[in-house]
């Protein structure tokens, strides 16, 4: 069993183009996420599981799902280009990171086709710092760059549990709808209309469920709770990324399998 292989220039309209962005050059604490894309695909194709989603969609050799391999990790400021190429063929970009900094150039590519894009962002962190340690492109900053450059009209965040006053001020400045973990039973801003980009940072999960991340932030969602949120979404998802898997911190590949499970359920929502 395996995903179909393809190249970006061989995509057809409606294809889901899974592409790896093996980049962690803007990580602030640990490196390691650059190793993630191939390992997420390996987990997805592992004989220890199957290709069925929980709604009984069989992803094995699904004609619309194509693994297109990895882009060059040296071309951070050109990561918009493969996204624009995917979109030019009316396919849907599904990007595997890498650290969360990749979302900024990816969203530059998305905005070229979707100027009225909304973002749904799963994360322990707001990633709204103006800069971190002098780096404006840090993985702690992508949504500040995205919003200040007008690459999205709306940003809704779920799972946040590390707000600082600076990030709270940034959220107010950019009109971000922040759902913190302490308010998880009163989610707001999920009724996004129009095209939606979904950005999923694995550390939205509690480290008990996903230890293979660089920043262990207790108090997060369980895997089951996240899957239920994903399954409840009713959105026009036109692109997504899955980021911040750090295999160097994983335990027996557990987080890799979690990443594959989340990816399956997200692919099912797009299909």
Protein backbone atom coordinates (compact mmCIF):
# COMPACT_ATOMS: atom_id res chain seq x y z
CA UNK A 1 0.00 0.00 0.00
CA UNK A 2 1.25 3.48 -0.80
CA UNK A 3 0.30 6.97 -1.77
CA UNK A 4 0.48 7.78 -5.44
CA UNK A 5 3.73 9.48 -6.45
CA UNK A 6 3.76 12.46 -8.76
CA UNK A 7 5.43 15.73 -9.57
CA UNK A 8 4.08 19.23 -9.27
CA UNK A 9 4.09 19.72 -13.02
CA UNK A 10 2.01 16.56 -13.57
CA UNK A 11 -0.90 17.54 -11.29
CA UNK A 12 -4.50 17.63 -12.43
CA UNK A 13 -7.30 19.95 -11.27
CA UNK A 14 -8.59 18.92 -7.86
CA UNK A 15 -5.50 16.92 -6.89
CA UNK A 16 -4.23 17.21 -3.33
CA UNK A 17 -0.51 17.90 -3.78
CA UNK A 18 1.40 16.79 -0.68
CA UNK A 19 4.78 18.52 -0.70
CA UNK A 20 7.56 18.48 1.89
CA UNK A 21 9.29 21.61 3.15
CA UNK A 22 12.28 20.18 5.09
CA UNK A 23 13.30 23.47 6.69
CA UNK A 24 14.03 24.36 10.31
CA UNK A 25 16.40 27.28 9.78
CA UNK A 26 14.15 29.65 11.73
CA UNK A 27 13.61 27.44 14.77
CA UNK A 28 14.30 29.27 18.00
CA UNK A 29 15.05 26.42 20.44
CA UNK A 30 15.86 23.13 18.73
CA UNK A 31 16.37 21.95 15.18
CA UNK A 32 14.95 18.66 13.93
CA UNK A 33 11.69 19.46 12.07
CA UNK A 34 13.62 19.50 8.77
CA UNK A 35 13.67 15.69 9.03
CA UNK A 36 9.90 15.43 9.39
CA UNK A 37 8.30 15.32 5.90
CA UNK A 38 9.70 11.95 4.80
CA UNK A 39 8.99 10.44 8.21
CA UNK A 40 5.37 11.60 8.19
CA UNK A 41 4.92 9.94 4.79
CA UNK A 42 6.63 6.79 6.12
CA UNK A 43 4.21 6.75 9.08
CA UNK A 44 1.26 7.24 6.75
CA UNK A 45 2.43 4.29 4.65
CA UNK A 46 3.36 2.09 7.62
CA UNK A 47 2.03 -1.45 7.60
CA UNK A 48 1.12 -0.97 11.28
CA UNK A 49 -1.98 0.98 10.23
CA UNK A 50 -4.26 1.34 7.20
CA UNK A 51 -5.30 4.10 4.83
CA UNK A 52 -8.91 4.45 5.96
CA UNK A 53 -10.11 7.62 7.62
CA UNK A 54 -12.68 7.37 10.38
CA UNK A 55 -15.42 8.20 7.87
CA UNK A 56 -14.31 5.16 5.79
CA UNK A 57 -12.56 7.06 3.01
CA UNK A 58 -9.77 4.84 1.65
CA UNK A 59 -6.72 6.99 0.88
CA UNK A 60 -4.68 4.09 -0.53
CA UNK A 61 -3.77 4.95 -4.12
CA UNK A 62 -6.52 7.59 -4.07
CA UNK A 63 -6.39 9.20 -7.53
CA UNK A 64 -6.57 12.75 -6.16
CA UNK A 65 -3.79 12.44 -3.54
CA UNK A 66 -0.22 12.81 -4.82
CA UNK A 67 3.03 12.80 -2.84
CA UNK A 68 5.19 15.25 -4.78
CA UNK A 69 8.36 14.95 -2.70
CA UNK A 70 10.39 17.69 -1.04
CA UNK A 71 11.27 21.17 -2.25
CA UNK A 72 14.75 22.59 -1.81
CA UNK A 73 15.31 23.48 1.83
CA UNK A 74 17.71 26.27 0.81
CA UNK A 75 15.04 28.39 -0.83
CA UNK A 76 13.02 29.71 2.14
CA UNK A 77 12.08 33.02 0.51
CA UNK A 78 11.05 31.13 -2.63
CA UNK A 79 8.71 28.65 -0.92
CA UNK A 80 5.83 30.57 -2.47
CA UNK A 81 6.88 29.39 -5.93
CA UNK A 82 5.93 25.67 -5.67
CA UNK A 83 2.67 26.74 -4.03
CA UNK A 84 1.89 29.08 -6.93
CA UNK A 85 2.75 26.30 -9.39
CA UNK A 86 0.39 23.89 -7.62
CA UNK A 87 -2.39 26.49 -7.61
CA UNK A 88 -1.83 27.31 -11.28
CA UNK A 89 -2.89 23.73 -12.04
CA UNK A 90 -6.00 24.12 -9.88
CA UNK A 91 -4.62 21.61 -7.38
CA UNK A 92 -4.68 21.99 -3.59
CA UNK A 93 -1.38 22.41 -1.71
CA UNK A 94 -0.87 20.22 1.37
CA UNK A 95 2.49 21.19 2.87
CA UNK A 96 4.51 19.17 5.40
CA UNK A 97 7.04 21.07 7.50
CA UNK A 98 9.47 21.86 8.72
CA UNK A 99 9.15 24.56 11.35
CA UNK A 100 6.22 26.98 11.40
CA UNK A 101 8.16 29.74 9.66
CA UNK A 102 7.30 28.06 6.35
CA UNK A 103 3.71 29.30 6.65
CA UNK A 104 4.68 32.87 5.78
CA UNK A 105 6.14 32.24 2.29
CA UNK A 106 3.50 29.59 1.65
CA UNK A 107 0.76 32.12 2.42
CA UNK A 108 2.41 34.55 0.00
CA UNK A 109 1.82 31.93 -2.65
CA UNK A 110 -1.74 31.27 -1.48
CA UNK A 111 -2.64 34.98 -1.49
CA UNK A 112 -1.70 35.23 -5.17
CA UNK A 113 -4.84 33.20 -5.95
CA UNK A 114 -6.96 33.83 -2.86
CA UNK A 115 -6.80 37.52 -1.87
CA UNK A 116 -9.71 37.06 0.56
CA UNK A 117 -8.28 34.10 2.42
CA UNK A 118 -9.06 33.22 6.05
CA UNK A 119 -6.76 31.12 8.25
CA UNK A 120 -7.61 28.53 10.90
CA UNK A 121 -4.52 27.99 13.03
CA UNK A 122 -4.03 25.13 15.55
CA UNK A 123 -1.13 25.78 17.93
CA UNK A 124 0.05 26.08 21.51
CA UNK A 125 1.66 29.37 20.49
CA UNK A 126 0.24 32.47 18.84
CA UNK A 127 3.33 32.90 16.59
CA UNK A 128 2.57 36.62 16.50
CA UNK A 129 5.84 38.05 17.80
CA UNK A 130 7.06 41.04 15.82
CA UNK A 131 10.46 39.39 16.06
CA UNK A 132 12.20 36.86 18.30
CA UNK A 133 15.90 37.01 19.10
CA UNK A 134 16.30 39.58 16.34
CA UNK A 135 14.77 37.28 13.70
CA UNK A 136 11.62 38.63 12.05
CA UNK A 137 11.20 35.32 10.19
CA UNK A 138 11.40 33.11 13.29
CA UNK A 139 8.89 30.30 13.64
CA UNK A 140 7.47 32.45 16.44
CA UNK A 141 6.59 35.24 13.96
CA UNK A 142 4.89 33.91 10.79
CA UNK A 143 1.40 35.17 11.56
CA UNK A 144 2.68 38.66 12.33
CA UNK A 145 4.27 38.71 8.85
CA UNK A 146 1.15 37.23 7.26
CA UNK A 147 -1.27 39.70 8.84
CA UNK A 148 0.86 42.82 8.44
CA UNK A 149 1.27 42.03 4.74
CA UNK A 150 -2.45 41.53 4.23
CA UNK A 151 -2.10 37.90 3.17
CA UNK A 152 -5.25 36.91 5.09
CA UNK A 153 -8.45 38.72 5.95
CA UNK A 154 -9.17 36.74 9.12
CA UNK A 155 -7.12 34.63 11.51
CA UNK A 156 -8.67 32.28 14.07
CA UNK A 157 -6.42 30.39 16.49
CA UNK A 158 -7.16 27.30 18.62
CA UNK A 159 -5.22 25.72 21.47
CA UNK A 160 -3.25 28.81 22.50
CA UNK A 161 -1.74 28.56 25.98
CA UNK A 162 1.44 30.66 25.87
CA UNK A 163 0.15 34.21 25.36
CA UNK A 164 2.38 37.08 26.39
CA UNK A 165 1.24 40.67 26.67
CA UNK A 166 3.08 41.50 23.45
CA UNK A 167 1.28 38.72 21.57
CA UNK A 168 -2.06 39.73 23.09
CA UNK A 169 -1.43 43.25 21.82
CA UNK A 170 -0.49 41.89 18.39
CA UNK A 171 -3.68 39.81 18.32
CA UNK A 172 -5.74 42.90 19.08
CA UNK A 173 -3.85 44.91 16.46
CA UNK A 174 -4.55 42.34 13.72
CA UNK A 175 -8.06 41.42 14.85
CA UNK A 176 -7.12 37.81 15.61
CA UNK A 177 -9.77 35.60 17.20
CA UNK A 178 -7.79 33.72 19.84
CA UNK A 179 -9.25 30.58 21.44
CA UNK A 180 -7.11 29.79 24.46
CA UNK A 181 -7.13 26.39 26.12
CA UNK A 182 -8.74 27.82 29.24
CA UNK A 183 -11.68 28.86 27.04
CA UNK A 184 -11.74 25.65 24.99
CA UNK A 185 -15.38 24.92 25.80
CA UNK A 186 -16.51 28.17 24.17
CA UNK A 187 -14.83 28.12 20.76
CA UNK A 188 -15.45 31.13 18.55
CA UNK A 189 -14.58 32.10 15.00
CA UNK A 190 -14.83 28.63 13.41
CA UNK A 191 -17.66 29.69 11.10
CA UNK A 192 -15.25 31.00 8.49
CA UNK A 193 -16.75 31.70 5.08
CA UNK A 194 -14.96 31.76 1.76
CA UNK A 195 -11.62 30.06 1.11
CA UNK A 196 -9.80 28.85 4.24
CA UNK A 197 -6.17 27.90 4.80
CA UNK A 198 -5.57 25.52 7.71
CA UNK A 199 -2.25 25.61 9.58
CA UNK A 200 -1.70 22.75 12.05
CA UNK A 201 1.18 22.85 14.54
CA UNK A 202 1.51 19.50 16.31
CA UNK A 203 2.25 21.16 19.63
CA UNK A 204 -1.43 22.12 19.83
CA UNK A 205 -1.58 18.62 21.33
CA UNK A 206 -0.53 18.01 24.90
CA UNK A 207 3.02 16.60 24.96
CA UNK A 208 1.61 13.46 26.58
CA UNK A 209 0.05 12.71 23.18
CA UNK A 210 2.74 14.23 20.93
CA UNK A 211 6.16 14.29 22.62
CA UNK A 212 7.98 14.69 19.30
CA UNK A 213 7.86 18.49 19.18
CA UNK A 214 10.49 21.06 20.03
CA UNK A 215 8.42 22.94 22.61
CA UNK A 216 6.68 20.81 25.24
CA UNK A 217 3.77 22.94 26.45
CA UNK A 218 1.54 21.10 28.95
CA UNK A 219 -2.19 21.60 29.04
CA UNK A 220 -2.98 20.96 25.38
CA UNK A 221 -5.62 18.99 23.54
CA UNK A 222 -5.83 15.21 23.46
CA UNK A 223 -5.54 13.52 20.09
CA UNK A 224 -9.19 12.48 20.31
CA UNK A 225 -10.37 16.03 21.03
CA UNK A 226 -8.43 17.42 18.07
CA UNK A 227 -9.78 14.77 15.72
CA UNK A 228 -13.32 15.60 16.83
CA UNK A 229 -12.73 19.30 16.10
CA UNK A 230 -11.32 18.46 12.66
CA UNK A 231 -14.25 16.19 11.88
CA UNK A 232 -16.72 18.91 12.89
CA UNK A 233 -15.30 21.52 10.50
CA UNK A 234 -17.49 22.70 7.64
CA UNK A 235 -15.09 24.89 5.67
CA UNK A 236 -13.87 25.44 2.12
CA UNK A 237 -10.26 24.37 2.78
CA UNK A 238 -8.09 25.40 -0.18
CA UNK A 239 -4.69 24.62 1.36
CA UNK A 240 -3.03 23.51 4.56
CA UNK A 241 0.23 22.84 6.34
CA UNK A 242 1.24 20.39 9.08
CA UNK A 243 4.34 21.57 10.93
CA UNK A 244 6.73 21.26 13.89
CA UNK A 245 7.10 17.48 14.12
CA UNK A 246 10.56 17.00 15.62
CA UNK A 247 11.57 13.33 15.27
CA UNK A 248 14.67 13.95 17.41
CA UNK A 249 12.35 14.24 20.44
CA UNK A 250 9.89 11.51 19.50
CA UNK A 251 9.35 8.30 21.46
CA UNK A 252 9.16 5.13 19.35
CA UNK A 253 7.68 7.09 16.45
CA UNK A 254 4.48 7.85 18.39
CA UNK A 255 4.26 11.48 17.24
CA UNK A 256 4.97 10.47 13.65
CA UNK A 257 1.89 8.23 13.77
CA UNK A 258 -0.12 11.04 15.37
CA UNK A 259 0.96 13.33 12.53
CA UNK A 260 -0.11 10.71 9.98
CA UNK A 261 -3.48 10.27 11.72
CA UNK A 262 -4.12 14.02 11.77
CA UNK A 263 -3.05 14.26 8.13
CA UNK A 264 -5.49 11.51 7.12
CA UNK A 265 -8.42 13.24 8.81
CA UNK A 266 -7.47 16.62 7.30
CA UNK A 267 -7.17 15.12 3.82
CA UNK A 268 -10.61 13.60 4.30
CA UNK A 269 -12.08 17.03 5.11
CA UNK A 270 -10.62 18.46 1.90
CA UNK A 271 -11.79 15.51 -0.19
